[in-house]
Amino acid sequence: MFLKNKSILILLLFGFILLLTACQESQAEEPKYQPEFENEVESFTYTNQDKQEVSLSDLEGTYWISNFIFTNCNTVCPPMTANMAKLQDKAEEENLDVRFVSFSVDPVNDDPATLKSFGDKFKVNYDNWDFLTGYDQEHIESFAANSFKALVSKVDGQEQVNHGTQFFIVNPDGEMINSFSGTSDEEMDNIIDHLKYYTD
């Protein structure tokens, strides 16, 4: 009798441990795709590479990926844009309804034609990717800080602009909810995994 009760007790204890482990694994896996924060993107109406106006309201109802670049950048912007192009291809392969937005941080030099020429170098599909300009330097620095918690800073007399290298996910309500390294190839798959989770 004692052995029988002891066996039952061991089985119950073992089952409880398995259940507890399963719960812990479930709790550990799920949050990795959860939004890290929710920061409202300021309302805007800017001009894209085709001289068309693009506003925040035009992007409502869909997820979109944004970053900050400029065409005279001689360091991080070319690889960032190449990664965004790869991300665009991956999203199309996964049938994800997502848009892409690149804000110029050097609007004085980046007019629509210059942005179009820059995008052409990376074989960009402009159907769902807008390169935006049409504001002054002070405005984009403020917009980046308030909407994306991102640093943009241009020193007078210098050609290069200081800016972050993050890719940001914005939800259909116009809230920035996640950021990733835009210079890391591995992060592109991570972004796709997040988008698949959000849009499922």
Protein backbone atom coordinates (compact mmCIF):
# COMPACT_ATOMS: atom_id res chain seq x y z
CA MET A 1 0.00 0.00 0.00
CA PHE A 2 2.80 2.33 0.92
CA LEU A 3 4.64 1.59 -2.33
CA LYS A 4 1.46 2.10 -4.35
CA ASN A 5 0.80 5.48 -2.71
CA LYS A 6 4.40 6.43 -3.16
CA SER A 7 4.25 5.59 -6.89
CA ILE A 8 1.10 7.66 -7.32
CA LEU A 9 2.72 10.56 -5.49
CA ILE A 10 5.80 10.38 -7.73
CA LEU A 11 3.65 10.30 -10.87
CA LEU A 12 1.63 13.30 -9.70
CA LEU A 13 4.79 15.21 -8.84
CA PHE A 14 6.33 14.36 -12.21
CA GLY A 15 3.17 15.47 -14.03
CA PHE A 16 3.12 18.74 -12.09
CA ILE A 17 6.75 19.43 -13.02
CA LEU A 18 6.01 18.78 -16.70
CA LEU A 19 2.99 21.10 -16.58
CA LEU A 20 4.99 23.82 -14.85
CA THR A 21 7.80 23.50 -17.39
CA ALA A 22 5.37 23.70 -20.31
CA CYS A 23 3.77 26.82 -18.84
CA GLN A 24 7.15 28.46 -18.34
CA GLU A 25 8.22 27.66 -21.92
CA SER A 26 4.95 29.02 -23.27
CA GLN A 27 5.32 32.20 -21.25
CA ALA A 28 8.93 32.59 -22.37
CA GLU A 29 8.22 32.16 -26.10
CA GLU A 30 5.15 34.30 -26.60
CA PRO A 31 6.40 37.74 -25.45
CA LYS A 32 9.27 37.90 -27.97
CA TYR A 33 6.81 39.00 -30.63
CA GLN A 34 4.88 41.37 -28.41
CA PRO A 35 5.19 45.13 -29.00
CA GLU A 36 8.06 46.57 -26.99
CA PHE A 37 6.41 49.96 -26.68
CA GLU A 38 3.67 52.07 -28.21
CA ASN A 39 4.71 55.52 -29.35
CA GLU A 40 2.33 57.56 -31.48
CA VAL A 41 3.72 58.79 -34.80
CA GLU A 42 3.04 62.48 -35.38
CA SER A 43 0.67 63.37 -38.18
CA PHE A 44 2.52 64.28 -41.39
CA THR A 45 2.10 64.99 -45.08
CA TYR A 46 5.34 64.77 -47.05
CA THR A 47 6.40 64.35 -50.70
CA ASN A 48 7.66 61.07 -52.15
CA GLN A 49 10.06 60.24 -54.98
CA ASP A 50 7.26 60.66 -57.54
CA LYS A 51 6.30 64.12 -56.21
CA GLN A 52 3.13 62.67 -54.68
CA GLU A 53 1.93 63.56 -51.21
CA VAL A 54 2.04 60.77 -48.64
CA SER A 55 0.44 61.27 -45.23
CA LEU A 56 0.11 59.31 -42.05
CA SER A 57 -3.56 58.76 -42.88
CA ASP A 58 -2.52 57.09 -46.17
CA LEU A 59 -0.69 54.47 -44.11
CA GLU A 60 -3.50 53.79 -41.66
CA GLY A 61 -4.86 50.26 -41.63
CA THR A 62 -1.60 48.53 -42.50
CA TYR A 63 1.73 47.75 -40.89
CA TRP A 64 4.70 49.68 -42.20
CA ILE A 65 8.47 49.67 -41.75
CA SER A 66 10.32 52.97 -41.57
CA ASN A 67 13.88 54.19 -41.39
CA PHE A 68 15.94 57.37 -41.77
CA ILE A 69 18.42 57.76 -44.62
CA PHE A 70 20.00 60.33 -46.94
CA THR A 71 21.41 59.92 -50.42
CA ASN A 72 24.85 61.49 -49.79
CA CYS A 73 25.49 59.12 -46.89
CA ASN A 74 28.84 57.36 -47.31
CA THR A 75 28.53 54.88 -44.46
CA VAL A 76 25.36 53.15 -43.22
CA CYS A 77 22.62 54.28 -45.62
CA PRO A 78 23.53 52.11 -48.63
CA PRO A 79 23.64 48.85 -46.61
CA MET A 80 20.48 49.89 -44.74
CA THR A 81 18.64 50.49 -48.01
CA ALA A 82 19.94 47.19 -49.40
CA ASN A 83 18.58 45.45 -46.30
CA MET A 84 15.24 47.21 -46.67
CA ALA A 85 15.08 46.01 -50.28
CA LYS A 86 15.74 42.45 -49.08
CA LEU A 87 13.02 42.92 -46.48
CA GLN A 88 10.63 44.09 -49.17
CA ASP A 89 11.36 40.94 -51.20
CA LYS A 90 10.91 38.69 -48.17
CA ALA A 91 7.59 40.35 -47.32
CA GLU A 92 6.36 39.76 -50.86
CA GLU A 93 7.42 36.10 -50.69
CA GLU A 94 5.41 35.72 -47.47
CA ASN A 95 2.39 37.55 -48.95
CA LEU A 96 2.56 40.15 -46.20
CA ASP A 97 0.56 43.34 -46.69
CA VAL A 98 3.16 45.83 -45.49
CA ARG A 99 4.51 49.18 -46.66
CA PHE A 100 7.95 50.75 -46.40
CA VAL A 101 8.82 54.38 -45.69
CA SER A 102 12.27 55.98 -45.79
CA PHE A 103 12.46 59.50 -44.41
CA SER A 104 15.28 61.67 -45.74
CA VAL A 105 17.30 63.33 -42.99
CA ASP A 106 18.88 65.71 -45.53
CA PRO A 107 15.84 67.34 -47.17
CA VAL A 108 17.78 70.29 -48.61
CA ASN A 109 19.74 67.96 -50.91
CA ASP A 110 17.25 65.10 -51.22
CA ASP A 111 14.58 66.29 -53.60
CA PRO A 112 12.19 63.74 -55.17
CA ALA A 113 14.35 63.15 -58.26
CA THR A 114 17.45 62.52 -56.14
CA LEU A 115 15.55 60.08 -53.93
CA LYS A 116 14.19 58.28 -56.99
CA SER A 117 17.68 57.91 -58.42
CA PHE A 118 18.92 56.59 -55.09
CA GLY A 119 16.12 54.04 -54.83
CA ASP A 120 16.69 52.88 -58.41
CA LYS A 121 20.19 51.76 -57.45
CA PHE A 122 18.64 49.16 -55.15
CA LYS A 123 15.93 48.04 -57.61
CA VAL A 124 13.23 49.29 -55.26
CA ASN A 125 9.59 48.43 -55.91
CA TYR A 126 7.84 51.78 -55.43
CA ASP A 127 4.38 50.19 -55.27
CA ASN A 128 4.69 49.96 -51.48
CA TRP A 129 7.87 51.92 -50.68
CA ASP A 130 7.99 55.71 -50.38
CA PHE A 131 11.11 57.84 -50.00
CA LEU A 132 9.92 61.03 -48.33
CA THR A 133 11.12 64.63 -48.28
CA GLY A 134 9.51 68.08 -48.40
CA TYR A 135 10.28 69.55 -44.97
CA ASP A 136 13.13 71.48 -43.38
CA GLN A 137 15.99 70.14 -41.31
CA GLU A 138 14.59 71.31 -37.99
CA HIS A 139 11.29 69.61 -38.70
CA ILE A 140 12.72 66.16 -39.50
CA GLU A 141 14.93 66.27 -36.41
CA SER A 142 11.91 67.02 -34.24
CA PHE A 143 9.71 64.49 -36.05
CA ALA A 144 12.28 61.71 -35.64
CA ALA A 145 12.68 62.42 -31.93
CA ASN A 146 8.98 62.70 -31.13
CA SER A 147 7.67 59.88 -33.31
CA PHE A 148 10.48 57.32 -33.20
CA LYS A 149 12.70 58.38 -30.29
CA ALA A 150 15.43 58.60 -32.93
CA LEU A 151 18.35 61.00 -33.10
CA VAL A 152 18.78 63.08 -36.25
CA SER A 153 21.31 65.89 -36.22
CA LYS A 154 23.07 67.84 -38.96
CA VAL A 155 25.91 70.16 -38.07
CA ASP A 156 26.03 73.38 -40.10
CA GLY A 157 28.71 73.25 -42.76
CA GLN A 158 28.96 69.46 -42.80
CA GLU A 159 27.61 67.18 -45.53
CA GLN A 160 27.04 64.12 -43.36
CA VAL A 161 24.03 63.80 -41.04
CA ASN A 162 24.04 62.00 -37.72
CA HIS A 163 21.13 59.57 -37.51
CA GLY A 164 20.14 56.19 -36.13
CA THR A 165 20.23 52.94 -38.08
CA GLN A 166 17.05 51.35 -36.75
CA PHE A 167 14.15 49.89 -38.71
CA PHE A 168 10.85 50.61 -36.99
CA ILE A 169 7.57 48.70 -37.15
CA VAL A 170 4.51 50.93 -37.08
CA ASN A 171 1.10 49.35 -36.50
CA PRO A 172 -2.15 50.12 -38.39
CA ASP A 173 -3.08 52.68 -35.71
CA GLY A 174 0.04 54.75 -36.41
CA GLU A 175 1.98 53.63 -33.33
CA MET A 176 5.66 52.71 -33.45
CA ILE A 177 5.82 49.39 -31.60
CA ASN A 178 9.21 47.83 -32.28
CA SER A 179 12.70 48.62 -33.54
CA PHE A 180 15.49 46.52 -35.01
CA SER A 181 19.02 47.03 -36.29
CA GLY A 182 18.84 48.10 -39.91
CA THR A 183 22.45 47.11 -40.59
CA SER A 184 22.07 43.48 -39.51
CA ASP A 185 21.15 40.93 -42.18
CA GLU A 186 19.91 38.52 -39.50
CA GLU A 187 17.40 41.06 -38.20
CA MET A 188 15.52 41.04 -41.51
CA ASP A 189 14.22 37.52 -40.78
CA ASN A 190 13.38 38.63 -37.26
CA ILE A 191 11.31 41.53 -38.61
CA ILE A 192 9.46 39.16 -40.95
CA ASP A 193 8.70 36.83 -38.03
CA HIS A 194 7.24 39.74 -36.08
CA LEU A 195 5.14 40.89 -39.02
CA LYS A 196 3.81 37.37 -39.57
CA TYR A 197 2.85 37.22 -35.88
CA TYR A 198 1.16 40.64 -35.93
CA THR A 199 -0.76 40.06 -39.16
CA ASP A 200 -1.80 36.46 -38.50
